[in-house]
Amino acid sequence: LQLGAFSQRDGALHLQQRVRREADAVAPRVAVHGEGSVFRVHAGPYASRGEALLAAEALQRLLALTPLLLDRR
C-alpha cells in the first residue's frame, strides 16, 4: 500500500512515524522509499490482495487517508 508521496523527506518521515504510532497493528511494516525528488511511504507487503484491502480500509478509518493498492509480483 502506498500511504503518501512527498517532495520533502521530512513529510514522508512524519507520516511514517504517525502510522507507527497510531496504526502499528494494521501496518507493522512501514518504509520510506526515495526515488529522485519523490519520497513515498509504503506499508506491507501483505500476504494477499484481500489482506491489503482490509488494511487499506482500516488505515482510512484510523488516519483519514486513502491508501493506494500497489500490485508487486
Protein backbone atom coordinates (compact mmCIF):
# COMPACT_ATOMS: atom_id res chain seq x y z
CA LEU A 1 0.00 0.00 0.00
CA GLN A 2 1.22 3.47 -0.76
CA LEU A 3 0.16 5.79 2.02
CA GLY A 4 1.58 9.04 0.69
CA ALA A 5 4.08 10.73 -1.61
CA PHE A 6 6.07 13.81 -0.68
CA SER A 7 8.59 16.16 -2.25
CA GLN A 8 10.28 16.57 1.14
CA ARG A 9 11.77 13.61 3.02
CA ASP A 10 10.65 15.14 6.34
CA GLY A 11 6.99 14.89 5.31
CA ALA A 12 7.39 11.21 4.48
CA LEU A 13 9.17 10.52 7.76
CA HIS A 14 6.43 12.33 9.67
CA LEU A 15 3.75 10.13 8.08
CA GLN A 16 5.83 7.00 8.75
CA GLN A 17 6.06 7.91 12.44
CA ARG A 18 2.34 8.69 12.61
CA VAL A 19 1.43 5.31 11.12
CA ARG A 20 3.75 3.53 13.55
CA ARG A 21 2.24 5.44 16.46
CA GLU A 22 -1.46 5.23 15.51
CA ALA A 23 -1.83 2.14 13.32
CA ASP A 24 1.05 -0.23 14.05
CA ALA A 25 -1.25 -3.28 14.28
CA VAL A 26 -2.61 -2.62 10.78
CA ALA A 27 0.67 -1.61 9.14
CA PRO A 28 3.56 -3.20 11.04
CA ARG A 29 5.99 -2.66 8.16
CA VAL A 30 6.13 0.96 7.02
CA ALA A 31 9.04 2.25 4.95
CA VAL A 32 10.04 5.43 3.16
CA HIS A 33 11.36 4.98 -0.39
CA GLY A 34 13.13 7.86 -2.13
CA GLU A 35 13.09 7.98 -5.91
CA GLY A 36 14.57 11.16 -7.33
CA SER A 37 12.72 14.06 -5.76
CA VAL A 38 9.74 11.98 -4.54
CA PHE A 39 9.58 10.17 -1.19
CA ARG A 40 6.88 7.52 -0.93
CA VAL A 41 5.55 5.91 2.26
CA HIS A 42 4.67 2.23 1.76
CA ALA A 43 3.07 -0.31 4.09
CA GLY A 44 3.36 -4.05 3.54
CA PRO A 45 3.81 -6.37 1.87
CA TYR A 46 0.62 -8.23 2.70
CA ALA A 47 0.05 -11.95 2.13
CA SER A 48 -2.89 -11.42 -0.21
CA ARG A 49 -4.79 -8.73 -2.06
CA GLY A 50 -7.70 -9.23 0.33
CA GLU A 51 -5.47 -8.66 3.35
CA ALA A 52 -4.11 -5.49 1.75
CA LEU A 53 -7.62 -4.20 1.05
CA LEU A 54 -8.66 -4.81 4.67
CA ALA A 55 -5.56 -2.95 5.85
CA ALA A 56 -6.32 -0.08 3.45
CA GLU A 57 -9.85 0.24 4.84
CA ALA A 58 -8.58 0.23 8.43
CA LEU A 59 -5.90 2.82 7.64
CA GLN A 60 -8.50 5.03 6.01
CA ARG A 61 -10.65 4.89 9.16
CA LEU A 62 -7.76 5.34 11.59
CA LEU A 63 -5.74 8.01 9.78
CA ALA A 64 -8.23 9.64 7.39
CA LEU A 65 -6.09 8.91 4.34
CA THR A 66 -6.72 6.89 1.20
CA PRO A 67 -4.03 4.26 0.57
CA LEU A 68 -3.19 3.24 -2.98
CA LEU A 69 -3.02 -0.50 -3.59
CA LEU A 70 0.18 -1.46 -5.40
CA ASP A 71 0.44 -4.88 -7.03
CA ARG A 72 4.06 -6.01 -7.00
CA ARG A 73 4.62 -9.57 -8.15
